[in-house]
């Protein structure tokens, strides 16, 4: 997902624009049912800041299709019913932080 978010989006400075970008990436699969964004951390993966995102779509079959597509090209995982991924955010991130 992070690679998809990097394609056409600049690094995110706030939670609202990150949520909007995730909605756009997921749009062809359906509406987002649940999205939880956990605080940004600095330098946790070798530089920059990152948020952990937990996502569910309304349709489980659509979520499975999204997961399969993303697993081919990026680092995503499944945690319970959620699709989990890391999103890069700007150093100026003003959302929650650790």
N, C-alpha and C. Protein backbone atom coordinates (compact mmCIF):
# COMPACT_ATOMS: atom_id res chain seq x y z
N UNK A 1 0.83 -1.19 0.00
CA UNK A 1 0.00 0.00 0.00
C UNK A 1 0.87 1.25 0.00
N UNK A 2 1.96 1.20 0.75
CA UNK A 2 2.83 2.37 0.83
C UNK A 2 3.33 2.76 -0.56
N UNK A 3 3.67 1.76 -1.39
CA UNK A 3 4.11 2.05 -2.75
C UNK A 3 2.99 2.69 -3.56
N UNK A 4 1.77 2.22 -3.37
CA UNK A 4 0.64 2.81 -4.08
C UNK A 4 0.41 4.24 -3.62
N UNK A 5 0.61 4.49 -2.34
CA UNK A 5 0.43 5.85 -1.83
C UNK A 5 1.54 6.78 -2.30
N UNK A 6 2.71 6.25 -2.58
CA UNK A 6 3.82 7.06 -3.07
C UNK A 6 3.60 7.47 -4.52
N UNK A 7 2.80 6.69 -5.24
CA UNK A 7 2.56 6.96 -6.66
C UNK A 7 1.52 8.06 -6.80
N UNK A 8 1.97 9.28 -6.99
CA UNK A 8 1.05 10.39 -7.20
C UNK A 8 0.74 11.20 -5.97
N UNK A 9 1.22 10.80 -4.81
CA UNK A 9 0.98 11.56 -3.58
C UNK A 9 2.32 11.98 -2.98
N UNK A 10 2.35 13.18 -2.43
CA UNK A 10 3.54 13.58 -1.70
C UNK A 10 3.45 13.01 -0.29
N UNK A 11 4.53 13.10 0.47
CA UNK A 11 4.48 12.62 1.85
C UNK A 11 3.40 13.37 2.61
N UNK A 12 2.71 12.68 3.48
CA UNK A 12 1.55 13.23 4.17
C UNK A 12 1.97 14.01 5.41
N UNK A 13 1.36 15.18 5.58
CA UNK A 13 1.65 16.01 6.74
C UNK A 13 0.55 15.92 7.79
N UNK A 14 -0.60 15.34 7.43
CA UNK A 14 -1.69 15.22 8.41
C UNK A 14 -2.53 13.99 8.12
N UNK A 15 -3.30 13.61 9.12
CA UNK A 15 -4.10 12.39 9.03
C UNK A 15 -5.21 12.50 7.98
N UNK A 16 -5.78 13.67 7.81
CA UNK A 16 -6.87 13.85 6.85
C UNK A 16 -6.42 13.55 5.42
N UNK A 17 -5.27 14.05 5.01
CA UNK A 17 -4.82 13.79 3.64
C UNK A 17 -4.38 12.34 3.47
N UNK A 18 -3.85 11.72 4.51
CA UNK A 18 -3.50 10.30 4.44
C UNK A 18 -4.77 9.47 4.26
N UNK A 19 -5.81 9.76 5.04
CA UNK A 19 -7.08 9.03 4.90
C UNK A 19 -7.67 9.20 3.50
N UNK A 20 -7.62 10.41 2.97
CA UNK A 20 -8.14 10.69 1.63
C UNK A 20 -7.39 9.85 0.58
N UNK A 21 -6.07 9.81 0.67
CA UNK A 21 -5.28 9.04 -0.29
C UNK A 21 -5.59 7.55 -0.20
N UNK A 22 -5.74 7.04 1.00
CA UNK A 22 -6.08 5.62 1.18
C UNK A 22 -7.45 5.33 0.56
N UNK A 23 -8.41 6.22 0.77
CA UNK A 23 -9.73 6.06 0.16
C UNK A 23 -9.62 6.00 -1.37
N UNK A 24 -8.78 6.86 -1.95
CA UNK A 24 -8.62 6.87 -3.41
C UNK A 24 -8.00 5.57 -3.91
N UNK A 25 -6.98 5.08 -3.22
CA UNK A 25 -6.32 3.84 -3.63
C UNK A 25 -7.29 2.65 -3.55
N UNK A 26 -8.15 2.66 -2.54
CA UNK A 26 -9.08 1.54 -2.32
C UNK A 26 -10.36 1.66 -3.14
N UNK A 27 -10.61 2.79 -3.76
CA UNK A 27 -11.90 3.08 -4.40
C UNK A 27 -12.35 2.01 -5.39
N UNK A 28 -11.45 1.46 -6.18
CA UNK A 28 -11.88 0.47 -7.18
C UNK A 28 -12.31 -0.84 -6.53
N UNK A 29 -12.02 -1.03 -5.25
CA UNK A 29 -12.42 -2.24 -4.53
C UNK A 29 -13.65 -2.02 -3.66
N UNK A 30 -13.98 -0.78 -3.39
CA UNK A 30 -15.14 -0.48 -2.57
C UNK A 30 -14.81 0.50 -1.47
N UNK A 31 -15.80 0.74 -0.64
CA UNK A 31 -15.65 1.73 0.43
C UNK A 31 -14.90 1.15 1.62
N UNK A 32 -14.14 2.05 2.25
CA UNK A 32 -13.43 1.68 3.46
C UNK A 32 -14.43 1.64 4.61
N UNK A 33 -14.46 0.52 5.30
CA UNK A 33 -15.34 0.34 6.46
C UNK A 33 -14.68 0.88 7.72
N UNK A 34 -13.41 0.59 7.86
CA UNK A 34 -12.68 0.96 9.06
C UNK A 34 -11.23 1.28 8.69
N UNK A 35 -10.73 2.37 9.22
CA UNK A 35 -9.33 2.73 9.03
C UNK A 35 -8.81 3.31 10.34
N UNK A 36 -7.82 2.63 10.89
CA UNK A 36 -7.17 3.12 12.11
C UNK A 36 -5.74 3.46 11.77
N UNK A 37 -5.33 4.65 12.16
CA UNK A 37 -3.97 5.11 11.91
C UNK A 37 -3.28 5.29 13.25
N UNK A 38 -2.20 4.54 13.43
CA UNK A 38 -1.47 4.61 14.68
C UNK A 38 -0.33 5.60 14.56
N UNK A 39 0.13 6.14 15.67
CA UNK A 39 1.07 7.26 15.67
C UNK A 39 2.31 7.06 14.81
N UNK A 40 2.79 8.18 14.32
CA UNK A 40 4.02 8.20 13.54
C UNK A 40 5.22 7.93 14.43
N UNK A 41 6.17 7.23 13.88
CA UNK A 41 7.43 6.99 14.58
C UNK A 41 8.56 7.48 13.70
N UNK A 42 9.62 7.92 14.30
CA UNK A 42 10.77 8.40 13.55
C UNK A 42 11.83 7.32 13.42
N UNK A 43 12.40 7.23 12.22
CA UNK A 43 13.55 6.37 11.95
C UNK A 43 13.34 4.90 12.31
N UNK A 44 12.12 4.41 12.28
CA UNK A 44 11.88 3.02 12.65
C UNK A 44 12.28 2.04 11.55
N UNK A 45 12.31 2.50 10.30
CA UNK A 45 12.70 1.61 9.20
C UNK A 45 13.85 2.22 8.39
N UNK A 46 14.75 2.88 9.07
CA UNK A 46 15.91 3.37 8.36
C UNK A 46 15.80 4.79 7.87
N UNK A 47 14.93 5.57 8.40
CA UNK A 47 14.83 6.97 8.01
C UNK A 47 13.41 7.39 7.79
N UNK A 48 13.13 8.61 8.06
CA UNK A 48 11.79 9.14 7.86
C UNK A 48 10.84 8.78 8.98
N UNK A 49 9.58 9.11 8.76
CA UNK A 49 8.54 8.85 9.75
C UNK A 49 7.48 7.97 9.10
N UNK A 50 6.82 7.16 9.93
CA UNK A 50 5.86 6.18 9.41
C UNK A 50 4.68 6.05 10.36
N UNK A 51 3.53 5.74 9.78
CA UNK A 51 2.33 5.41 10.55
C UNK A 51 1.93 3.98 10.22
N UNK A 52 1.47 3.26 11.21
CA UNK A 52 0.90 1.93 10.98
C UNK A 52 -0.59 2.13 10.72
N UNK A 53 -1.07 1.55 9.64
CA UNK A 53 -2.48 1.69 9.26
C UNK A 53 -3.14 0.31 9.26
N UNK A 54 -4.35 0.25 9.79
CA UNK A 54 -5.15 -0.97 9.83
C UNK A 54 -6.45 -0.67 9.08
N UNK A 55 -6.73 -1.43 8.04
CA UNK A 55 -7.81 -1.13 7.10
C UNK A 55 -8.75 -2.31 6.95
N UNK A 56 -10.04 -2.00 6.84
CA UNK A 56 -11.06 -2.98 6.46
C UNK A 56 -11.96 -2.35 5.42
N UNK A 57 -12.30 -3.12 4.39
CA UNK A 57 -13.30 -2.70 3.41
C UNK A 57 -14.65 -3.28 3.82
N UNK A 58 -15.74 -2.71 3.29
CA UNK A 58 -17.08 -3.21 3.60
C UNK A 58 -17.26 -4.65 3.11
N UNK A 59 -16.72 -4.96 1.94
CA UNK A 59 -16.90 -6.29 1.34
C UNK A 59 -15.63 -7.13 1.56
N UNK A 60 -15.73 -8.21 2.33
CA UNK A 60 -14.55 -9.05 2.59
C UNK A 60 -13.91 -9.62 1.31
N UNK A 61 -14.71 -9.92 0.30
CA UNK A 61 -14.16 -10.43 -0.96
C UNK A 61 -13.33 -9.35 -1.66
N UNK A 62 -13.83 -8.13 -1.63
CA UNK A 62 -13.08 -7.01 -2.23
C UNK A 62 -11.79 -6.77 -1.45
N UNK A 63 -11.85 -6.91 -0.14
CA UNK A 63 -10.65 -6.74 0.68
C UNK A 63 -9.62 -7.81 0.36
N UNK A 64 -10.08 -9.03 0.15
CA UNK A 64 -9.17 -10.12 -0.22
C UNK A 64 -8.50 -9.82 -1.57
N UNK A 65 -9.27 -9.31 -2.52
CA UNK A 65 -8.70 -8.96 -3.83
C UNK A 65 -7.68 -7.83 -3.70
N UNK A 66 -7.98 -6.82 -2.91
CA UNK A 66 -7.04 -5.72 -2.66
C UNK A 66 -5.78 -6.26 -2.01
N UNK A 67 -5.93 -7.12 -1.03
CA UNK A 67 -4.78 -7.69 -0.33
C UNK A 67 -3.89 -8.46 -1.29
N UNK A 68 -4.49 -9.29 -2.14
CA UNK A 68 -3.70 -10.06 -3.11
C UNK A 68 -2.93 -9.14 -4.05
N UNK A 69 -3.59 -8.11 -4.54
CA UNK A 69 -2.91 -7.18 -5.45
C UNK A 69 -1.76 -6.48 -4.75
N UNK A 70 -1.97 -6.05 -3.53
CA UNK A 70 -0.94 -5.31 -2.81
C UNK A 70 0.22 -6.21 -2.38
N UNK A 71 -0.06 -7.46 -2.07
CA UNK A 71 1.00 -8.37 -1.63
C UNK A 71 2.00 -8.65 -2.74
N UNK A 72 1.57 -8.50 -3.98
CA UNK A 72 2.46 -8.73 -5.11
C UNK A 72 3.50 -7.62 -5.21
N UNK A 73 3.11 -6.39 -4.89
CA UNK A 73 4.00 -5.25 -5.16
C UNK A 73 4.46 -4.49 -3.92
N UNK A 74 4.01 -4.85 -2.75
CA UNK A 74 4.36 -4.07 -1.58
C UNK A 74 4.30 -4.92 -0.32
N UNK A 75 4.63 -4.33 0.79
CA UNK A 75 4.67 -5.05 2.07
C UNK A 75 3.39 -4.78 2.85
N UNK A 76 2.47 -5.71 2.80
CA UNK A 76 1.23 -5.63 3.58
C UNK A 76 1.07 -6.95 4.32
N UNK A 77 0.30 -6.93 5.36
CA UNK A 77 0.03 -8.16 6.08
C UNK A 77 -1.42 -8.16 6.53
N UNK A 78 -1.87 -9.30 6.99
CA UNK A 78 -3.23 -9.43 7.50
C UNK A 78 -3.14 -9.66 8.99
N UNK A 79 -3.85 -8.85 9.74
CA UNK A 79 -3.89 -8.95 11.19
C UNK A 79 -5.35 -9.07 11.59
N UNK A 80 -5.77 -10.27 12.00
CA UNK A 80 -7.19 -10.55 12.25
C UNK A 80 -7.95 -10.25 10.96
N UNK A 81 -8.92 -9.35 10.99
CA UNK A 81 -9.70 -9.02 9.80
C UNK A 81 -9.15 -7.80 9.08
N UNK A 82 -8.06 -7.22 9.59
CA UNK A 82 -7.52 -5.99 9.03
C UNK A 82 -6.39 -6.24 8.05
N UNK A 83 -6.29 -5.37 7.07
CA UNK A 83 -5.14 -5.29 6.19
C UNK A 83 -4.21 -4.28 6.84
N UNK A 84 -3.00 -4.68 7.16
CA UNK A 84 -2.06 -3.80 7.87
C UNK A 84 -0.94 -3.37 6.93
N UNK A 85 -0.57 -2.10 6.99
CA UNK A 85 0.52 -1.58 6.18
C UNK A 85 1.10 -0.35 6.85
N UNK A 86 2.27 0.02 6.40
CA UNK A 86 2.96 1.20 6.91
C UNK A 86 2.89 2.28 5.85
N UNK A 87 2.57 3.50 6.27
CA UNK A 87 2.53 4.64 5.36
C UNK A 87 3.62 5.62 5.75
N UNK A 88 4.38 6.08 4.77
CA UNK A 88 5.39 7.10 5.02
C UNK A 88 4.70 8.45 5.20
N UNK A 89 5.16 9.20 6.18
CA UNK A 89 4.63 10.54 6.41
C UNK A 89 5.79 11.53 6.47
N UNK A 90 5.47 12.78 6.27
CA UNK A 90 6.46 13.85 6.23
C UNK A 90 7.02 14.11 7.63
N UNK A 91 8.21 14.66 7.67
CA UNK A 91 8.80 15.06 8.95
C UNK A 91 7.94 16.11 9.66
N UNK A 92 7.12 16.81 8.90
CA UNK A 92 6.24 17.84 9.46
C UNK A 92 4.90 17.28 9.90
N UNK A 93 4.77 15.96 9.95
CA UNK A 93 3.53 15.28 10.36
C UNK A 93 2.98 15.94 11.60
N UNK A 94 1.70 16.35 11.54
CA UNK A 94 1.09 16.98 12.71
C UNK A 94 -0.02 16.13 13.31
N UNK A 95 -0.12 14.88 12.86
CA UNK A 95 -1.07 13.95 13.46
C UNK A 95 -0.49 13.39 14.74
N UNK A 96 -1.12 12.37 15.29
CA UNK A 96 -0.61 11.78 16.52
C UNK A 96 0.81 11.26 16.35
N UNK A 97 1.59 11.36 17.37
CA UNK A 97 2.96 10.84 17.32
C UNK A 97 3.31 10.17 18.64
N UNK A 98 4.33 9.37 18.59
CA UNK A 98 4.77 8.65 19.79
C UNK A 98 5.71 9.53 20.59
